[in-house]
Each structure stands twice: as structure tokens, then as C-alpha cells.
Amino acid sequence: MRIEIAKLHRRLKTTMIYVTHDQVEAMTMADKIVVLNGGRTEQIGAPLELYHHPRNLFVATFIGSPQMNLLAGTLLSAEAQHAHVRLAGGEEVFVAVDASGASPGEAVTLGVRPEHLVEATANGGDGGVTGKVLVVERLGECTLAYLQVDGVEDNVVAKLPGDATVEAGGSLRIGVNRSACHLFDSKGEAFRRVPASKTSGPRAALG
């Protein structure tokens, strides 16, 4: 149905307003998305703008399937070009965001989309977080691995290559480039992401 509506929109070349609770429909059909939460506007923007630069946790978890992974942490240091975070499981994380308005000791949430998680060995061996593999979904062009990670309430989902050798019952060490991470403050508001070309320090986010 959404494809037919999108084709109709292009053919009529007129403004259309379509209300949906399905983020896939919104991403497929819209030139501009208005994300509402209880009647309040959370963010307005093009689909990929909302995907790559969500303003807060509500938008971040609404846009994207599988949903963005969320890991609780604490700020160790906060600078204009990066934040140094300790996750609940003890791992330390560098995130390419402008955290100059925050202070060490504040509670934060790290957000990482499944496709930005890679096996640590494929990330140059720069460290990572180890999780127990609970379920593996082999979808052909990709493999979804659902992990139990210490200190994380929900499963962490990693979107890996289709030929990944991961198996349920085993363990998987994952890492991510810090420029692909998101960071949210205790109120759920996003820190502004810093372009990779402007960052300094370690490339590995998890280590």
C-alpha cells in the first residue's frame, strides 16, 4: 500500500499529509516527517536527517528498524569534540559529540544503530564489548545477532554481514567507530554530533 501511495504522490505532484504509526511507511513515503509524541512535535525533518541526527531518544528509537541500541553510562569527561563515557558494564567509550555543556559524573545514554556494530576483529582489534549470543537471524544479505551484554537491560542487536560465522550460544565481541555513535543526556536530549574530520583521539568507540 505504501508503495502505491508514494507512486500516487509523485504522479499528482501535490502536497499530501499522511498520518501513520509505522516508521517504515514514514521513511518510505515522506519528503518531510513530523514526529509527534502525545500531540507534541518532537522533530521535523527529512527522513535521513531524522535517522542520522535524532534530536532526542524518542525520535532515535522511533526511526530505524531494528531499533537503535541504547546503553546506559556515566560521563568521565566532557569536551567540545568528544565525550568519554563509562558504560554500566564497565567498558569505556569515546563518542564524537560536543559535550562541552555537560559535566563529568552525569548520567548519559549511548545510542548505536545495529548496522554500526561490527565484530571487534573486523574493527582493527581496537577493543569492544563482549556479549552472549542469544539468537541469530540469517536474512541472506545480512545476519542479525541478538546479544546479552552486562549492564544492558534490553538485548543488543548487531547487523552483521550475511556470511558472518556467529552462532547462538557463543560470545561475540563488538566495536564501533565513535563517529557513528549518538549520546543523550539524562533528559533524553541528544548531544550534537561532531563530524569525523573534526575529531581527535581514539577511533574505536568501545574499548
Protein backbone atom coordinates (compact mmCIF):
# COMPACT_ATOMS: atom_id res chain seq x y z
CA MET A 1 0.00 0.00 0.00
CA ARG A 2 2.75 2.48 0.92
CA ILE A 3 4.43 1.99 -2.47
CA GLU A 4 1.15 2.72 -4.26
CA ILE A 5 0.63 5.87 -2.19
CA ALA A 6 4.18 7.01 -2.92
CA LYS A 7 3.62 6.48 -6.67
CA LEU A 8 0.34 8.42 -6.46
CA HIS A 9 2.11 11.28 -4.69
CA ARG A 10 4.73 11.54 -7.42
CA ARG A 11 2.11 11.38 -10.14
CA LEU A 12 -0.16 14.06 -8.63
CA LYS A 13 2.75 16.35 -7.67
CA THR A 14 0.76 17.88 -4.83
CA THR A 15 1.22 18.20 -1.09
CA MET A 16 -0.11 15.23 0.88
CA ILE A 17 -0.34 14.69 4.63
CA TYR A 18 -0.27 11.06 5.72
CA VAL A 19 -0.60 10.01 9.37
CA THR A 20 1.00 6.72 10.39
CA HIS A 21 2.43 4.93 13.42
CA ASP A 22 4.65 2.86 11.11
CA GLN A 23 8.13 4.34 10.81
CA VAL A 24 8.83 2.29 7.66
CA GLU A 25 5.84 3.93 5.98
CA ALA A 26 7.05 7.34 7.13
CA MET A 27 10.59 6.77 5.84
CA THR A 28 9.33 5.35 2.52
CA MET A 29 6.71 7.93 1.60
CA ALA A 30 7.73 11.22 3.16
CA ASP A 31 9.84 14.09 1.88
CA LYS A 32 9.49 15.56 5.37
CA ILE A 33 8.49 13.82 8.59
CA VAL A 34 6.85 15.42 11.62
CA VAL A 35 7.39 13.17 14.65
CA LEU A 36 4.62 13.64 17.23
CA ASN A 37 4.57 12.40 20.80
CA GLY A 38 1.32 12.89 22.70
CA GLY A 39 0.40 15.79 20.45
CA ARG A 40 3.79 17.47 20.89
CA THR A 41 6.17 17.93 17.95
CA GLU A 42 9.48 16.24 18.75
CA GLN A 43 11.30 16.88 15.45
CA ILE A 44 10.65 17.88 11.84
CA GLY A 45 12.98 16.94 9.02
CA ALA A 46 13.79 14.79 6.02
CA PRO A 47 13.84 11.03 6.67
CA LEU A 48 17.63 10.67 6.65
CA GLU A 49 18.07 13.82 8.74
CA LEU A 50 15.94 12.26 11.47
CA TYR A 51 17.75 8.94 11.06
CA HIS A 52 21.28 10.34 11.36
CA HIS A 53 20.56 13.28 13.68
CA PRO A 54 17.67 12.44 16.04
CA ARG A 55 17.01 15.28 18.46
CA ASN A 56 16.14 13.02 21.37
CA LEU A 57 15.62 9.42 22.47
CA PHE A 58 12.01 9.34 21.34
CA VAL A 59 12.93 10.15 17.73
CA ALA A 60 16.02 7.93 17.84
CA THR A 61 14.02 4.86 18.84
CA PHE A 62 11.09 5.60 16.50
CA ILE A 63 13.23 5.87 13.37
CA GLY A 64 15.14 2.75 12.34
CA SER A 65 14.49 -0.98 12.21
CA PRO A 66 15.87 -2.85 14.10
CA GLN A 67 15.69 -0.15 16.75
CA MET A 68 18.74 1.77 17.93
CA ASN A 69 20.67 0.05 20.74
CA LEU A 70 20.66 2.03 24.00
CA LEU A 71 23.33 1.56 26.68
CA ALA A 72 23.33 3.42 29.99
CA GLY A 73 26.54 5.13 31.06
CA THR A 74 28.25 7.89 33.03
CA LEU A 75 30.35 10.76 31.70
CA LEU A 76 34.02 10.52 32.64
CA SER A 77 34.99 13.66 30.71
CA ALA A 78 33.10 16.13 28.54
CA GLU A 79 34.77 18.18 25.81
CA ALA A 80 33.78 20.08 22.69
CA GLN A 81 34.96 17.32 20.33
CA HIS A 82 34.23 14.16 22.27
CA ALA A 83 32.76 12.63 25.40
CA HIS A 84 34.41 9.86 27.41
CA VAL A 85 31.78 7.55 28.86
CA ARG A 86 31.86 4.52 31.15
CA LEU A 87 29.07 2.05 30.40
CA ALA A 88 27.16 0.16 33.08
CA GLY A 89 29.19 -2.97 32.34
CA GLY A 90 32.48 -1.14 32.93
CA GLU A 91 33.56 -0.60 29.31
CA GLU A 92 34.81 2.87 28.37
CA VAL A 93 33.50 4.64 25.29
CA PHE A 94 34.65 7.67 23.26
CA VAL A 95 31.81 9.40 21.40
CA ALA A 96 32.25 12.14 18.77
CA VAL A 97 29.81 14.70 20.19
CA ASP A 98 30.01 18.23 21.56
CA ALA A 99 29.68 17.58 25.29
CA SER A 100 31.12 20.95 26.38
CA GLY A 101 27.88 21.84 28.17
CA ALA A 102 27.92 18.69 30.32
CA SER A 103 29.92 17.71 33.39
CA PRO A 104 31.73 14.52 34.46
CA GLY A 105 29.55 12.27 36.58
CA GLU A 106 26.35 12.96 34.67
CA ALA A 107 24.20 10.02 33.55
CA VAL A 108 24.01 9.55 29.77
CA THR A 109 22.73 7.03 27.24
CA LEU A 110 24.84 5.76 24.37
CA GLY A 111 22.93 5.05 21.16
CA VAL A 112 24.31 2.82 18.41
CA ARG A 113 22.37 1.55 15.41
CA PRO A 114 22.69 -2.20 14.68
CA GLU A 115 24.44 -1.64 11.34
CA HIS A 116 27.17 0.37 13.05
CA LEU A 117 28.23 -2.55 15.24
CA VAL A 118 30.97 -4.79 13.85
CA GLU A 119 32.94 -7.74 15.12
CA ALA A 120 35.86 -6.28 17.06
CA THR A 121 38.36 -8.21 14.96
CA ALA A 122 36.91 -6.54 11.86
CA ASN A 123 37.31 -3.16 13.56
CA GLY A 124 41.07 -3.46 13.68
CA GLY A 125 41.12 -5.15 17.09
CA ASP A 126 40.58 -1.81 18.89
CA GLY A 127 38.59 -3.29 21.74
CA GLY A 128 34.88 -3.71 22.22
CA VAL A 129 32.06 -5.07 24.32
CA THR A 130 31.56 -8.79 24.68
CA GLY A 131 28.05 -10.24 24.70
CA LYS A 132 26.46 -13.69 24.81
CA VAL A 133 24.72 -14.51 21.53
CA LEU A 134 21.10 -15.40 22.31
CA VAL A 135 19.55 -15.57 18.83
CA VAL A 136 20.87 -15.37 15.28
CA GLU A 137 18.63 -14.34 12.36
CA ARG A 138 20.12 -15.14 8.97
CA LEU A 139 18.40 -12.96 6.39
CA GLY A 140 20.66 -13.64 3.43
CA GLU A 141 22.17 -10.22 2.74
CA CYS A 142 22.75 -9.68 6.48
CA THR A 143 22.76 -11.50 9.81
CA LEU A 144 21.13 -10.11 12.94
CA ALA A 145 22.79 -11.20 16.20
CA TYR A 146 20.90 -10.58 19.45
CA LEU A 147 23.29 -10.24 22.37
CA GLN A 148 23.04 -10.20 26.13
CA VAL A 149 25.53 -7.61 27.38
CA ASP A 150 26.33 -6.99 31.04
CA GLY A 151 24.67 -3.85 32.35
CA VAL A 152 22.23 -3.57 29.43
CA GLU A 153 18.57 -4.29 30.14
CA ASP A 154 17.46 -4.97 26.55
CA ASN A 155 19.17 -7.17 24.00
CA VAL A 156 21.86 -5.51 21.89
CA VAL A 157 21.28 -6.14 18.18
CA ALA A 158 24.22 -6.25 15.76
CA LYS A 159 23.59 -6.21 12.00
CA LEU A 160 26.46 -8.22 10.52
CA PRO A 161 27.36 -9.42 7.01
CA GLY A 162 25.24 -12.28 5.67
CA ASP A 163 28.14 -14.73 5.87
CA ALA A 164 29.02 -13.92 9.50
CA THR A 165 30.06 -17.06 11.39
CA VAL A 166 28.42 -16.07 14.68
CA GLU A 167 26.36 -18.81 16.36
CA ALA A 168 23.75 -18.79 19.14
CA GLY A 169 25.19 -19.82 22.48
CA GLY A 170 28.61 -18.38 21.74
CA SER A 171 30.09 -15.00 22.54
CA LEU A 172 30.70 -12.02 20.27
CA ARG A 173 32.95 -9.03 20.80
CA ILE A 174 31.66 -5.91 19.08
CA GLY A 175 33.08 -2.47 18.42
CA VAL A 176 32.06 0.67 16.57
CA ASN A 177 33.70 3.80 15.21
CA ARG A 178 32.95 6.63 17.62
CA SER A 179 31.70 8.93 14.82
CA ALA A 180 28.75 6.54 14.31
CA CYS A 181 27.57 6.82 17.93
CA HIS A 182 24.86 9.01 19.44
CA LEU A 183 24.81 10.29 23.01
CA PHE A 184 21.82 11.51 25.03
CA ASP A 185 21.71 13.34 28.35
CA SER A 186 19.67 12.38 31.41
CA LYS A 187 16.60 14.12 29.94
CA GLY A 188 16.90 12.18 26.68
CA GLU A 189 18.15 15.13 24.62
CA ALA A 190 20.88 14.44 22.05
CA PHE A 191 24.35 15.93 22.19
CA ARG A 192 25.33 17.46 18.84
CA ARG A 193 27.40 15.04 16.79
CA VAL A 194 30.83 16.21 15.61
CA PRO A 195 31.93 15.35 12.02
CA ALA A 196 34.65 12.69 11.95
CA SER A 197 37.09 15.10 10.23
CA LYS A 198 36.94 17.39 13.28
CA THR A 199 37.53 14.77 15.93
CA SER A 200 40.75 13.71 17.56
CA GLY A 201 41.67 10.83 19.81
CA PRO A 202 40.95 7.11 19.58
CA ARG A 203 38.93 5.85 16.62
CA ALA A 204 37.42 2.91 18.48
CA ALA A 205 34.33 3.87 20.41
CA LEU A 206 34.14 0.76 22.55
CA GLY A 207 37.21 -0.41 24.33
